[in-house]
Amino acid sequence: MNKSLVILLSLVLPLTLAASDNSYKVTYDGGSIPNAKAGTGMKLFIDSNQIKLVKDKGEVITIPTSAVTEISYGQDVHRRVGAAIGLAVISLGVGALMALTKSKKHFVGVTWADGDKKGGFAMQCDKNDYRGVLAGLEGVTGKKAVDSDAMTVKN
């Protein structure tokens, strides 16, 4: 029984890994990429020698991994006040509970300098994908992501 399970897993696991692609759905939040508007949905491809942003099957930008100078990470946490007000119209109790919940947005930033071409951009990642995006970028660039929330100066 155990041997058959091991054989089955050893055949199925490599097939599932080969079938997965190395892309993530992200939302462009701003930066120095020409012809890209904030809020645009894109796909981020992380390869061993380049990082690509693709929109509607058209390549937006390709960055050599050796040119990346910094990777940053940050969060935006806010209360769901608008949704709570909408639910309060229907049910006061549900609206009050909704006002207590928080929403997090995860942002990853990349800056690069490739000769005389310098730039950077920020992208919003899904809560299930941002760790994978950070790990992928750190792995191919050799740079450690900087937590921008820890860098804020408080007076």
Protein backbone atom coordinates (compact mmCIF):
# COMPACT_ATOMS: atom_id res chain seq x y z
CA MET A 1 0.00 0.00 0.00
CA ASN A 2 2.72 2.49 0.98
CA LYS A 3 4.87 1.65 -2.04
CA SER A 4 1.99 2.21 -4.44
CA LEU A 5 1.24 5.55 -2.81
CA VAL A 6 4.88 6.61 -3.12
CA ILE A 7 4.98 5.55 -6.77
CA LEU A 8 1.74 7.41 -7.51
CA LEU A 9 2.95 10.60 -5.82
CA SER A 10 6.35 10.43 -7.54
CA LEU A 11 4.58 10.33 -10.91
CA VAL A 12 1.87 12.92 -10.22
CA LEU A 13 3.92 15.55 -8.36
CA PRO A 14 6.42 16.30 -11.18
CA LEU A 15 3.54 16.57 -13.66
CA THR A 16 1.73 19.15 -11.53
CA LEU A 17 4.91 21.15 -11.02
CA ALA A 18 5.62 21.17 -14.75
CA ALA A 19 2.07 22.26 -15.53
CA SER A 20 2.21 25.31 -13.26
CA ASP A 21 3.38 28.56 -14.80
CA ASN A 22 5.61 31.10 -13.14
CA SER A 23 3.21 34.03 -13.37
CA TYR A 24 1.19 36.01 -10.86
CA LYS A 25 -1.81 38.27 -11.33
CA VAL A 26 -0.93 41.73 -10.04
CA THR A 27 -2.36 45.23 -10.22
CA TYR A 28 -0.01 47.99 -11.35
CA ASP A 29 -0.09 50.72 -8.70
CA GLY A 30 2.28 53.27 -10.20
CA GLY A 31 5.84 53.92 -11.18
CA SER A 32 8.01 54.79 -14.14
CA ILE A 33 6.58 52.37 -16.69
CA PRO A 34 5.36 54.32 -19.73
CA ASN A 35 1.85 53.69 -21.08
CA ALA A 36 0.73 51.94 -17.87
CA LYS A 37 -2.06 53.33 -15.72
CA ALA A 38 -2.50 52.73 -12.02
CA GLY A 39 -5.13 50.10 -11.33
CA THR A 40 -4.38 48.09 -14.48
CA GLY A 41 -4.42 44.31 -14.07
CA MET A 42 -1.27 42.61 -15.36
CA LYS A 43 0.63 39.34 -15.13
CA LEU A 44 4.07 39.20 -13.57
CA PHE A 45 6.44 36.57 -14.96
CA ILE A 46 9.55 35.74 -12.94
CA ASP A 47 12.27 33.90 -14.87
CA SER A 48 15.83 33.17 -13.87
CA ASN A 49 17.25 36.01 -15.97
CA GLN A 50 14.35 38.47 -16.38
CA ILE A 51 11.18 39.88 -14.82
CA LYS A 52 8.33 40.67 -17.21
CA LEU A 53 5.05 42.52 -16.86
CA VAL A 54 2.46 41.51 -19.46
CA LYS A 55 -0.91 43.13 -20.14
CA ASP A 56 -3.41 41.52 -22.50
CA LYS A 57 -0.71 39.23 -23.95
CA GLY A 58 1.39 42.28 -24.86
CA GLU A 59 4.68 42.75 -23.06
CA VAL A 60 4.77 45.98 -21.04
CA ILE A 61 8.34 45.83 -19.72
CA THR A 62 11.21 43.38 -19.28
CA ILE A 63 13.76 43.94 -16.54
CA PRO A 64 16.99 41.92 -16.35
CA THR A 65 17.29 40.36 -12.88
CA SER A 66 20.87 41.60 -12.64
CA ALA A 67 19.62 45.21 -12.94
CA VAL A 68 17.28 45.05 -9.90
CA THR A 69 18.61 47.29 -7.12
CA GLU A 70 15.86 46.93 -4.52
CA ILE A 71 12.74 44.96 -3.66
CA SER A 72 10.33 46.43 -1.12
CA TYR A 73 7.17 45.26 0.59
CA GLY A 74 4.42 47.16 2.35
CA GLN A 75 0.83 46.85 3.51
CA ASP A 76 -2.17 49.12 3.52
CA VAL A 77 -4.63 48.29 6.28
CA HIS A 78 -7.99 50.00 6.45
CA ARG A 79 -11.41 49.46 7.94
CA ARG A 80 -14.31 48.53 5.69
CA VAL A 81 -16.42 51.56 6.54
CA GLY A 82 -18.16 51.90 3.17
CA ALA A 83 -19.31 48.28 3.16
CA ALA A 84 -20.41 48.61 6.78
CA ILE A 85 -22.59 51.62 5.97
CA GLY A 86 -24.18 49.76 3.08
CA LEU A 87 -24.94 46.75 5.26
CA ALA A 88 -26.19 48.94 8.12
CA VAL A 89 -29.03 50.10 5.87
CA ILE A 90 -30.19 46.49 5.61
CA SER A 91 -29.25 45.23 9.06
CA LEU A 92 -27.80 47.39 11.80
CA GLY A 93 -26.13 44.46 13.61
CA VAL A 94 -24.34 43.11 10.53
CA GLY A 95 -23.24 46.63 9.58
CA ALA A 96 -21.78 47.21 13.04
CA LEU A 97 -19.85 43.93 12.87
CA MET A 98 -18.59 44.76 9.39
CA ALA A 99 -17.21 48.08 10.66
CA LEU A 100 -14.94 46.16 13.02
CA THR A 101 -13.27 44.12 10.26
CA LYS A 102 -10.07 45.19 8.52
CA SER A 103 -8.82 44.78 4.99
CA LYS A 104 -5.15 44.46 4.01
CA LYS A 105 -3.60 45.22 0.67
CA HIS A 106 -0.14 43.87 -0.08
CA PHE A 107 2.25 45.95 -2.20
CA VAL A 108 5.58 44.90 -3.71
CA GLY A 109 7.96 47.42 -5.24
CA VAL A 110 10.86 46.86 -7.63
CA THR A 111 13.55 49.38 -8.57
CA TRP A 112 16.23 48.84 -11.17
CA ALA A 113 19.18 50.49 -12.87
CA ASP A 114 20.25 49.01 -16.21
CA GLY A 115 22.97 51.28 -17.52
CA ASP A 116 21.36 54.65 -18.11
CA LYS A 117 17.81 53.19 -17.82
CA LYS A 118 16.54 53.54 -14.26
CA GLY A 119 13.05 53.05 -12.93
CA GLY A 120 10.73 51.43 -10.51
CA PHE A 121 7.16 50.40 -9.98
CA ALA A 122 4.79 49.23 -7.29
CA MET A 123 2.24 46.50 -7.70
CA GLN A 124 -0.57 45.21 -5.55
CA CYS A 125 -0.50 41.44 -5.06
CA ASP A 126 -3.23 39.07 -3.97
CA LYS A 127 -3.12 38.02 -0.32
CA ASN A 128 -2.42 34.45 -1.42
CA ASP A 129 0.35 35.39 -3.87
CA TYR A 130 2.46 38.15 -2.31
CA ARG A 131 4.71 35.72 -0.42
CA GLY A 132 5.36 33.81 -3.64
CA VAL A 133 6.09 37.03 -5.54
CA LEU A 134 8.55 38.14 -2.85
CA ALA A 135 10.23 34.73 -2.69
CA GLY A 136 10.51 34.56 -6.48
CA LEU A 137 11.96 38.05 -6.79
CA GLU A 138 14.39 37.46 -3.92
CA GLY A 139 15.45 34.14 -5.42
CA VAL A 140 16.23 35.37 -8.93
CA THR A 141 17.80 38.70 -7.92
CA GLY A 142 19.68 37.68 -4.79
CA LYS A 143 18.31 40.80 -3.05
CA LYS A 144 16.43 40.68 0.26
CA ALA A 145 13.08 42.49 0.31
CA VAL A 146 12.94 45.60 2.49
CA ASP A 147 9.85 45.95 4.67
CA SER A 148 8.78 49.54 4.05
CA ASP A 149 6.46 49.50 7.10
CA ALA A 150 9.43 48.89 9.42
CA MET A 151 11.33 51.81 7.87
CA THR A 152 8.82 54.54 8.73
CA VAL A 153 10.23 57.16 11.06
CA LYS A 154 8.00 58.16 13.95
CA ASN A 155 8.59 61.47 15.73
